[in-house]
Protein backbone atom coordinates (compact mmCIF):
# COMPACT_ATOMS: atom_id res chain seq x y z
CA MET A 1 -28.58 19.49 -20.47
CA ALA A 2 -31.95 20.48 -19.03
CA GLN A 3 -33.72 18.15 -16.61
CA SER A 4 -36.88 18.71 -14.60
CA ARG A 5 -35.79 17.11 -11.30
CA ILE A 6 -33.25 18.15 -8.67
CA THR A 7 -32.00 16.67 -5.42
CA ILE A 8 -31.71 18.73 -2.23
CA ILE A 9 -29.79 17.32 0.72
CA GLY A 10 -30.89 18.82 4.02
CA GLY A 11 -34.29 20.03 5.18
CA GLY A 12 -33.20 22.99 7.26
CA LEU A 13 -33.83 26.64 6.48
CA ALA A 14 -31.76 26.73 3.29
CA GLY A 15 -32.91 23.36 1.99
CA SER A 16 -36.59 24.06 2.63
CA GLU A 17 -36.47 27.48 0.97
CA ALA A 18 -34.53 26.05 -1.98
CA ALA A 19 -37.08 23.26 -2.38
CA TYR A 20 -39.97 25.71 -2.44
CA GLN A 21 -38.30 28.06 -4.95
CA ALA A 22 -37.51 25.21 -7.33
CA ALA A 23 -40.92 23.57 -6.96
CA CYS A 24 -42.90 26.76 -7.52
CA ARG A 25 -41.01 27.20 -10.79
CA GLY A 26 -42.11 23.78 -12.00
CA VAL A 27 -39.18 21.58 -10.95
CA GLU A 28 -39.67 18.19 -9.29
CA VAL A 29 -37.69 18.11 -6.03
CA ASP A 30 -36.36 15.18 -4.02
CA LEU A 31 -35.70 16.62 -0.55
CA TYR A 32 -33.62 14.43 1.78
CA GLU A 33 -33.65 14.99 5.55
CA MET A 34 -32.00 12.44 7.84
CA ARG A 35 -33.91 13.47 10.97
CA PRO A 36 -35.54 12.01 12.98
CA SER A 37 -34.03 8.61 12.13
CA VAL A 38 -30.51 10.05 12.38
CA PRO A 39 -30.36 12.65 15.19
CA THR A 40 -27.93 15.54 15.65
CA PRO A 41 -26.41 16.95 18.86
CA ALA A 42 -28.67 20.02 18.73
CA HIS A 43 -31.99 19.16 17.09
CA ARG A 44 -34.90 17.90 19.18
CA THR A 45 -37.56 17.11 16.55
CA GLY A 46 -37.97 15.73 13.07
CA TRP A 47 -39.54 18.91 11.73
CA LEU A 48 -38.03 20.71 8.79
CA ALA A 49 -36.42 24.10 9.42
CA GLU A 50 -36.08 23.55 13.18
CA LEU A 51 -34.38 26.51 14.87
CA VAL A 52 -31.84 25.13 17.32
CA CYS A 53 -30.24 28.27 18.74
CA SER A 54 -32.06 31.59 19.13
CA ASN A 55 -35.60 32.17 17.89
CA SER A 56 -34.64 35.60 16.52
CA LEU A 57 -34.30 36.48 12.84
CA LYS A 58 -32.64 39.78 13.76
CA SER A 59 -33.67 43.39 13.29
CA ASN A 60 -36.78 44.55 11.47
CA ARG A 61 -35.80 48.20 11.86
CA GLU A 62 -35.94 49.99 8.53
CA TYR A 63 -32.68 50.72 6.71
CA THR A 64 -30.55 48.31 8.72
CA ALA A 65 -28.66 45.54 6.91
CA PRO A 66 -30.78 42.71 8.45
CA TRP A 67 -33.95 44.59 7.47
CA LEU A 68 -32.70 45.05 3.92
CA LEU A 69 -31.90 41.35 3.54
CA LYS A 70 -35.37 40.44 4.77
CA GLU A 71 -36.99 43.05 2.52
CA GLU A 72 -35.14 41.64 -0.49
CA LEU A 73 -36.29 38.16 0.45
CA ARG A 74 -39.88 39.34 0.80
CA ARG A 75 -39.78 40.87 -2.66
CA ALA A 76 -38.16 37.73 -4.06
CA GLY A 77 -41.01 35.60 -2.71
CA SER A 78 -39.36 33.82 0.20
CA ARG A 79 -41.79 31.25 1.58
CA LEU A 80 -39.95 30.83 4.88
CA LEU A 81 -39.89 34.54 5.59
CA GLN A 82 -43.62 34.66 4.96
CA ILE A 83 -44.12 31.81 7.44
CA ALA A 84 -41.82 33.52 9.95
CA SER A 85 -44.00 36.65 9.86
CA GLN A 86 -47.07 34.51 10.49
CA CYS A 87 -45.38 32.85 13.48
CA ALA A 88 -43.90 36.03 14.99
CA VAL A 89 -43.76 36.74 18.70
CA PRO A 90 -43.20 40.19 20.28
CA ALA A 91 -39.47 41.01 20.28
CA GLY A 92 -39.08 44.78 20.17
CA GLN A 93 -37.59 45.79 16.84
CA ALA A 94 -36.55 42.25 15.94
CA LEU A 95 -38.39 39.50 14.10
CA ALA A 96 -38.60 36.53 16.47
CA VAL A 97 -40.75 33.47 15.98
CA ASP A 98 -42.51 30.78 17.93
CA ARG A 99 -39.98 28.13 16.96
CA GLU A 100 -42.39 25.18 17.24
CA ARG A 101 -45.14 26.81 15.18
CA PHE A 102 -42.58 27.96 12.64
CA ALA A 103 -40.99 24.53 12.09
CA ALA A 104 -44.39 22.82 12.02
CA ALA A 105 -45.68 25.35 9.47
CA VAL A 106 -42.63 24.96 7.22
CA THR A 107 -42.96 21.18 7.39
CA GLU A 108 -46.63 21.39 6.45
CA ALA A 109 -45.86 23.77 3.58
CA MET A 110 -43.21 21.44 2.15
CA GLU A 111 -45.35 18.32 2.60
CA SER A 112 -48.32 19.95 0.88
CA GLU A 113 -46.32 21.05 -2.18
CA PRO A 114 -47.03 18.39 -4.86
CA ARG A 115 -43.66 18.81 -6.59
CA ILE A 116 -41.65 18.21 -3.39
CA ARG A 117 -41.04 14.61 -2.35
CA ILE A 118 -39.55 14.33 1.14
CA HIS A 119 -37.26 11.39 1.88
CA ARG A 120 -36.59 10.74 5.57
CA GLN A 121 -33.19 9.13 5.15
CA GLU A 122 -29.51 9.98 5.31
CA LEU A 123 -27.60 10.48 2.09
CA ARG A 124 -23.99 9.51 2.70
CA ALA A 125 -22.73 10.67 -0.71
CA ILE A 126 -23.62 13.31 -3.29
CA PRO A 127 -25.62 11.85 -6.20
CA GLY A 128 -23.68 11.91 -9.44
CA ASP A 129 -26.52 12.02 -11.94
CA SER A 130 -28.58 15.12 -11.14
CA ILE A 131 -28.51 18.77 -10.17
CA VAL A 132 -27.85 18.80 -6.42
CA ILE A 133 -28.17 21.44 -3.70
CA VAL A 134 -26.17 20.60 -0.60
CA ALA A 135 -27.87 22.35 2.33
CA THR A 136 -26.96 20.03 5.17
CA GLY A 137 -26.16 22.81 7.59
CA PRO A 138 -23.47 23.08 10.24
CA LEU A 139 -24.34 19.66 11.67
CA THR A 140 -23.62 17.73 8.48
CA SER A 141 -23.17 14.03 9.18
CA ASP A 142 -19.61 12.72 9.29
CA ALA A 143 -20.22 10.42 6.32
CA LEU A 144 -21.45 13.20 4.05
CA ALA A 145 -18.81 15.63 5.31
CA ASP A 146 -16.16 13.07 4.37
CA ALA A 147 -17.78 12.67 0.94
CA ILE A 148 -17.73 16.45 0.41
CA GLN A 149 -14.09 16.59 1.48
CA THR A 150 -13.22 13.84 -1.01
CA LEU A 151 -15.16 15.58 -3.77
CA THR A 152 -13.63 19.01 -3.21
CA GLY A 153 -10.16 17.97 -2.10
CA ASN A 154 -10.41 20.60 0.64
CA GLU A 155 -10.23 20.00 4.35
CA ARG A 156 -13.47 21.02 6.06
CA LEU A 157 -13.49 24.00 8.40
CA PHE A 158 -15.38 24.32 11.65
CA PHE A 159 -16.21 26.57 14.56
CA TYR A 160 -18.04 26.06 17.82
CA ASP A 161 -21.53 27.39 18.44
CA SER A 162 -23.61 27.45 21.59
CA ILE A 163 -27.30 27.36 22.52
CA SER A 164 -29.05 29.61 25.05
CA PRO A 165 -31.12 28.21 27.95
CA ILE A 166 -34.93 28.34 28.04
CA VAL A 167 -36.81 28.98 31.29
CA ASP A 168 -40.34 28.01 32.33
CA ALA A 169 -42.34 31.27 32.55
CA GLU A 170 -44.28 30.12 35.62
CA THR A 171 -41.05 29.94 37.63
CA ILE A 172 -39.99 33.55 36.95
CA ASP A 173 -40.46 35.90 39.91
CA GLY A 174 -42.59 38.68 38.44
CA SER A 175 -41.92 40.96 41.41
CA LYS A 176 -38.25 41.28 40.40
CA VAL A 177 -38.44 41.54 36.61
CA PHE A 178 -40.04 44.21 34.44
CA PRO A 179 -41.33 44.20 30.84
CA ALA A 180 -39.66 46.60 28.42
CA SER A 181 -37.95 46.91 25.07
CA ARG A 182 -34.80 49.00 24.82
CA TYR A 183 -35.60 52.71 24.55
CA GLY A 184 -39.29 51.76 24.62
CA ARG A 185 -39.15 50.69 20.99
CA SER A 186 -41.53 48.04 19.72
CA LEU A 187 -42.56 47.09 16.21
CA PRO A 188 -45.91 45.67 15.09
CA VAL A 189 -45.93 41.88 15.09
CA ILE A 190 -47.72 40.12 12.28
CA GLY A 191 -48.89 36.72 13.37
CA ALA A 192 -51.82 34.52 14.14
CA GLU A 193 -53.26 34.20 17.60
CA PRO A 194 -53.59 30.56 18.71
CA GLY A 195 -56.95 29.42 17.42
CA GLY A 196 -57.45 32.64 15.49
CA GLY A 197 -55.89 34.43 12.58
CA GLY A 198 -55.16 37.70 10.87
CA LEU A 199 -53.16 40.66 12.07
CA GLN A 200 -51.99 40.96 15.63
CA GLU A 201 -50.60 44.37 16.63
CA GLN A 202 -48.45 44.68 19.72
CA GLU A 203 -48.70 48.31 20.73
CA ASN A 204 -46.91 48.06 24.04
CA ALA A 205 -43.18 48.29 24.48
CA GLY A 206 -42.86 45.39 26.90
CA ASP A 207 -41.72 42.73 24.47
CA TYR A 208 -38.92 41.47 26.76
CA LEU A 209 -38.76 40.62 30.43
CA ASN A 210 -35.74 42.26 32.04
CA CYS A 211 -33.85 40.95 35.05
CA PRO A 212 -32.08 43.97 36.62
CA PHE A 213 -28.81 43.69 38.56
CA ASN A 214 -27.30 46.12 41.04
CA GLN A 215 -23.52 46.28 41.24
CA GLU A 216 -23.26 43.80 44.11
CA GLU A 217 -25.51 41.25 42.40
CA TYR A 218 -23.53 41.57 39.19
CA GLY A 219 -20.27 41.01 41.05
CA ARG A 220 -21.57 37.80 42.64
CA PHE A 221 -22.83 36.52 39.30
CA TYR A 222 -19.57 37.36 37.54
CA GLU A 223 -17.36 35.64 40.11
CA ALA A 224 -19.56 32.53 40.11
CA LEU A 225 -19.48 32.39 36.32
CA LEU A 226 -15.69 32.62 36.23
CA ALA A 227 -15.38 29.74 38.67
CA ALA A 228 -18.00 27.52 37.01
CA GLU A 229 -17.17 24.13 35.53
CA THR A 230 -17.59 23.75 31.79
CA VAL A 231 -18.26 20.58 29.84
CA ALA A 232 -14.99 18.80 29.05
CA LEU A 233 -14.21 18.54 25.34
CA HIS A 234 -11.43 15.98 25.44
CA GLU A 235 -11.08 15.53 21.70
CA PHE A 236 -10.34 19.19 20.97
CA GLU A 237 -7.63 21.41 22.40
CA ASN A 238 -8.55 24.76 20.91
CA LEU A 239 -12.10 26.06 20.64
CA ASN A 240 -12.74 28.26 17.60
CA TYR A 241 -15.88 30.26 18.37
CA PHE A 242 -17.94 32.41 16.04
CA GLU A 243 -17.18 35.86 17.42
CA SER A 244 -20.76 37.16 17.50
CA CYS A 245 -22.05 34.07 19.33
CA LEU A 246 -19.56 33.68 22.16
CA PRO A 247 -20.50 31.73 25.30
CA ILE A 248 -21.04 33.93 28.35
CA GLU A 249 -18.18 32.25 30.23
CA GLU A 250 -15.81 33.12 27.38
CA LEU A 251 -16.97 36.74 27.47
CA ALA A 252 -16.46 36.81 31.25
CA ARG A 253 -12.84 35.70 30.80
CA ARG A 254 -12.21 38.78 28.68
CA GLY A 255 -12.83 41.14 31.57
CA ARG A 256 -15.17 42.06 34.39
CA GLU A 257 -17.11 44.63 32.35
CA THR A 258 -17.34 42.69 29.07
CA LEU A 259 -20.76 41.20 29.83
CA ARG A 260 -22.11 44.66 30.70
CA PHE A 261 -21.23 45.78 27.18
CA GLY A 262 -22.58 42.57 25.65
CA PRO A 263 -25.59 40.40 26.52
CA MET A 264 -26.03 42.07 29.93
CA LYS A 265 -25.88 45.67 28.73
CA PRO A 266 -28.45 47.88 30.50
CA VAL A 267 -28.59 50.67 27.91
CA GLY A 268 -32.05 51.79 26.89
CA LEU A 269 -33.68 50.24 29.96
CA LYS A 270 -35.20 51.89 33.03
CA ASP A 271 -36.33 49.91 36.05
CA PRO A 272 -39.82 51.30 36.83
CA ARG A 273 -39.34 50.54 40.53
CA THR A 274 -36.27 52.75 40.85
CA GLY A 275 -36.69 55.06 37.88
CA LYS A 276 -33.04 54.39 37.05
CA ARG A 277 -31.05 52.32 34.61
CA PRO A 278 -29.91 49.05 36.24
CA TYR A 279 -26.21 48.29 36.60
CA ALA A 280 -26.67 45.28 34.29
CA ALA A 281 -29.62 43.33 32.91
CA VAL A 282 -30.49 39.98 31.40
CA GLN A 283 -33.25 40.04 28.80
CA LEU A 284 -35.75 37.21 28.41
CA ARG A 285 -37.48 36.80 25.05
CA ARG A 286 -40.70 34.88 24.45
CA GLU A 287 -40.42 31.47 22.84
CA ASN A 288 -44.03 31.46 21.66
CA LEU A 289 -47.24 33.51 21.64
CA ARG A 290 -48.49 31.68 24.72
CA ALA A 291 -45.55 33.24 26.61
CA ASP A 292 -45.15 30.05 28.66
CA SER A 293 -41.39 29.95 28.13
CA TYR A 294 -38.59 32.45 27.58
CA ASN A 295 -35.03 32.19 26.31
CA LEU A 296 -32.16 34.06 27.93
CA VAL A 297 -31.02 36.39 25.16
CA GLY A 298 -27.32 36.03 24.36
CA PHE A 299 -26.76 33.55 27.19
CA GLN A 300 -25.40 30.68 25.13
CA ASN A 301 -22.92 28.63 27.15
CA HIS A 302 -21.45 25.19 27.65
CA LEU A 303 -21.37 24.96 31.42
CA LYS A 304 -22.27 21.68 33.07
CA PHE A 305 -26.03 21.47 33.56
CA GLY A 306 -25.78 21.51 37.36
CA GLU A 307 -23.56 24.59 37.20
CA GLN A 308 -25.98 26.32 34.84
CA LYS A 309 -28.86 25.79 37.24
CA ARG A 310 -26.84 27.13 40.17
CA ILE A 311 -25.41 30.16 38.38
CA LEU A 312 -28.46 31.18 36.36
CA ARG A 313 -30.47 31.18 39.57
CA LEU A 314 -28.24 34.06 40.71
CA ILE A 315 -30.04 36.21 38.13
CA PRO A 316 -32.64 38.41 39.90
CA GLY A 317 -36.06 36.95 39.22
CA LEU A 318 -34.73 33.49 38.38
CA GLU A 319 -33.90 32.35 41.92
CA LYS A 320 -36.42 29.49 41.67
CA ALA A 321 -36.37 29.09 37.91
CA GLU A 322 -36.89 25.74 36.23
CA PHE A 323 -35.10 25.35 32.92
CA LEU A 324 -36.75 23.61 29.98
CA ARG A 325 -33.47 23.55 28.08
CA TYR A 326 -29.91 24.18 29.19
CA GLY A 327 -27.18 25.78 27.12
CA GLN A 328 -25.07 23.45 25.01
CA ILE A 329 -22.14 23.56 22.63
CA HIS A 330 -21.87 21.91 19.23
CA ARG A 331 -19.40 21.95 16.38
CA ASN A 332 -20.43 23.64 13.14
CA THR A 333 -18.91 22.42 9.89
CA TYR A 334 -18.55 24.52 6.75
CA ILE A 335 -16.58 24.42 3.51
CA ASN A 336 -13.85 26.80 2.38
CA ALA A 337 -16.26 28.40 -0.07
CA PRO A 338 -13.95 31.05 -1.62
CA SER A 339 -11.70 28.32 -2.97
CA LEU A 340 -14.62 26.18 -4.15
CA LEU A 341 -17.73 28.17 -5.11
CA THR A 342 -18.78 30.73 -7.69
CA PRO A 343 -20.97 33.76 -6.82
CA THR A 344 -23.95 31.64 -7.97
CA LEU A 345 -23.10 29.14 -5.19
CA GLN A 346 -21.99 26.47 -7.69
CA LEU A 347 -19.03 24.18 -7.19
CA ARG A 348 -16.38 25.39 -9.64
CA SER A 349 -15.22 21.85 -10.40
CA ASP A 350 -18.79 20.55 -10.92
CA PRO A 351 -21.35 23.32 -11.63
CA ARG A 352 -24.36 21.01 -11.25
CA ILE A 353 -23.67 21.02 -7.48
CA PHE A 354 -24.78 24.01 -5.38
CA PHE A 355 -24.10 24.73 -1.71
CA ALA A 356 -26.48 26.77 0.44
CA GLY A 357 -26.92 27.69 4.08
CA GLN A 358 -24.40 27.57 6.88
CA ILE A 359 -22.33 24.86 5.23
CA CYS A 360 -21.18 27.43 2.66
CA GLY A 361 -20.06 29.82 5.37
CA VAL A 362 -22.94 32.21 5.96
CA GLU A 363 -23.98 32.66 9.57
CA GLY A 364 -27.53 33.36 10.64
CA TYR A 365 -31.04 32.14 9.99
CA VAL A 366 -31.95 34.77 7.41
CA GLU A 367 -28.61 34.41 5.63
CA SER A 368 -29.28 30.67 5.34
CA ILE A 369 -32.76 31.31 3.94
CA ALA A 370 -31.23 33.79 1.48
CA THR A 371 -28.66 31.38 0.05
CA GLY A 372 -31.32 28.67 -0.08
CA LEU A 373 -33.62 30.95 -2.07
CA LEU A 374 -30.84 31.75 -4.53
CA ALA A 375 -29.71 28.13 -4.89
CA GLY A 376 -33.31 27.10 -5.58
CA ILE A 377 -33.77 29.81 -8.21
CA HIS A 378 -30.41 29.03 -9.85
CA ALA A 379 -30.94 25.26 -9.84
CA ALA A 380 -34.40 25.68 -11.37
CA ARG A 381 -32.98 27.81 -14.16
CA MET A 382 -30.47 25.07 -14.98
CA ALA A 383 -33.01 22.26 -14.64
CA LEU A 384 -35.73 23.82 -16.79
CA PHE A 385 -33.79 25.69 -19.44
CA GLY A 386 -30.22 24.40 -19.28
CA GLU A 387 -29.07 27.98 -18.69
CA GLN A 388 -26.33 29.20 -16.39
CA PRO A 389 -27.56 31.15 -13.35
CA ILE A 390 -27.20 34.90 -13.03
CA ALA A 391 -25.99 36.19 -9.66
CA PRO A 392 -27.89 39.08 -8.04
CA PRO A 393 -26.27 42.52 -8.34
CA ARG A 394 -23.51 43.38 -5.87
CA ALA A 395 -25.51 46.39 -4.69
CA THR A 396 -28.04 44.02 -3.10
CA THR A 397 -27.52 42.16 0.16
CA LEU A 398 -28.28 38.92 -1.69
CA GLY A 399 -25.55 39.65 -4.20
CA SER A 400 -23.05 40.87 -1.62
CA LEU A 401 -23.56 37.83 0.59
CA CYS A 402 -22.79 35.52 -2.33
CA HIS A 403 -19.88 37.73 -3.40
CA TYR A 404 -18.38 37.31 0.06
CA VAL A 405 -18.85 33.55 -0.04
CA ALA A 406 -17.05 33.31 -3.38
CA ASN A 407 -14.40 36.01 -2.97
CA ALA A 408 -13.34 36.21 0.69
CA ASN A 409 -9.77 35.32 1.63
CA PRO A 410 -9.60 31.50 1.51
CA GLN A 411 -6.59 31.55 3.83
CA ASN A 412 -8.71 32.79 6.73
CA TYR A 413 -12.32 32.23 5.70
CA GLN A 414 -14.77 32.97 8.52
CA PRO A 415 -18.58 32.73 8.52
CA ALA A 416 -20.32 36.08 8.03
CA ASN A 417 -23.62 37.71 8.92
CA ILE A 418 -25.03 40.33 6.60
CA ALA A 419 -23.64 43.81 7.29
CA PHE A 420 -23.25 47.00 5.30
CA ASP A 421 -19.50 46.46 5.07
CA LEU A 422 -20.21 43.50 2.73
CA LEU A 423 -21.95 45.87 0.30
CA PRO A 424 -20.00 48.10 -2.11
CA PRO A 425 -19.55 51.68 -0.87
CA LEU A 426 -22.10 54.26 -1.90
CA CYS A 427 -20.87 56.12 -4.99
CA VAL A 428 -23.66 58.57 -5.75
CA ALA A 429 -23.17 62.31 -6.18
CA THR A 430 -25.23 64.31 -3.69
CA PRO A 431 -25.62 68.06 -3.13
CA ARG A 432 -24.21 67.67 0.38
CA LYS A 433 -22.41 65.08 2.43
CA LEU A 434 -24.82 62.47 3.76
CA ASP A 435 -24.74 61.35 7.36
CA ARG A 436 -24.52 57.67 8.24
CA GLN A 437 -28.28 57.14 8.46
CA GLU A 438 -28.88 58.88 5.13
CA ARG A 439 -26.14 56.81 3.45
CA ARG A 440 -27.68 53.59 4.75
CA ALA A 441 -31.12 54.64 3.52
CA ARG A 442 -29.72 55.50 0.08
CA GLN A 443 -27.89 52.15 -0.10
CA CYS A 444 -31.13 50.36 0.73
CA GLN A 445 -33.06 52.27 -1.92
CA ILE A 446 -30.45 51.47 -4.57
CA ALA A 447 -30.36 47.82 -3.52
CA LEU A 448 -34.10 47.42 -3.89
CA VAL A 449 -34.11 49.01 -7.35
CA LYS A 450 -31.29 46.71 -8.47
CA LEU A 451 -33.09 43.73 -6.98
CA GLU A 452 -36.27 44.44 -8.94
CA GLN A 453 -34.23 44.64 -12.14
CA TRP A 454 -32.62 41.27 -11.39
CA LEU A 455 -35.92 39.65 -10.46
CA ALA A 456 -37.32 40.69 -13.83
CA THR A 457 -34.68 38.48 -15.48
CA GLU A 458 -35.70 35.52 -13.28
CA GLN A 459 -39.38 35.41 -14.16
CA LYS A 460 -39.11 32.32 -16.35
CA THR A 461 -41.39 29.50 -15.23
CA ALA A 462 -42.16 26.02 -16.49
CA VAL A 463 -44.92 25.73 -19.06
């Protein structure tokens, strides 16, 4: 039965995008966010869509899987991706944002939308009388997680995630670091200058600060990291990490060279003082357009704070660094989506309930925005017209992401970022065999055509 109001639980990336998509289609939205009255281990503010880990929304390089997902979202009218572009900071070929400006802008956008009513309170159970989107994220409260477990009859899954440190820019030794993007690549950044507006083009290739190591310096850092004390987690014996977001101390345990092929890889960099590639390097990425703070890219960890200060000051250029935030670890909760959800993100046992964001087992900011956008579109279709949602085509990243969520192996379900291996293989006859880059480009072109066809079926709006 059609109804013109929906409930969204969680004001993160997925919940905020879902709220906007439903509201702009004419649906009244009750958006519940428990912060700031109920804090989480990772959030620091009460803003909606606060980014707690990196400030990067991944690659903007054409014909990559992250680019394609963002391009599909742009064409589908994602409000959060539009705001992200307006809050961008230089980050080479990636889209990174000033996290404070971004969260503040999303909050303002949601508060100014007349059809969205924001409730600053915790919901401890799923309402039983309306269409609901559960977008509570990986830090879902225990009470609601228990309610979801009771509703689904499935034990919740979890993995551990970590946060990278942030350093005060004034305490970085500029004589030891150098600005550069890998291979000198830098993309235009669309964003507003503080106090200004319009298009800002970053023509230089110095979007990152790089801290170069020689072999001896790397050896000292590696040995100190191996011997460092981590935070004790007494209640858990085994730590289940998300493989693409491993703490640096865990990487170090895998071998002496592992860091040099991971977050400390020097490829594509040349130290202008030596004219050579450093033995290893740590990259620092701007937190905001003021460039008054930088995060250590890929340096998530859960060392004790005193140990972090001691060890991170072994990085060339950070010998006297002051840290505005230290690395931390937190547990991320998600549901066993393949046993519970349809490709339209609906609960099989109760189709009025949708799940979106990291709680359904997607990993990454843009992936969360994507599932939020789809849940908002689908919920609006049900609310306004009483019609069942239509999933995006499998050839699109939006469709493939939801296909993975609904069809992965439930016996070993792991969170996933978007990647070409989630998309169906290219089955198009060509005069000659295409190389990898050509295949990726063709897949992207097909995906965007299929997306436009799907969007044409979703043009219904309230009258």
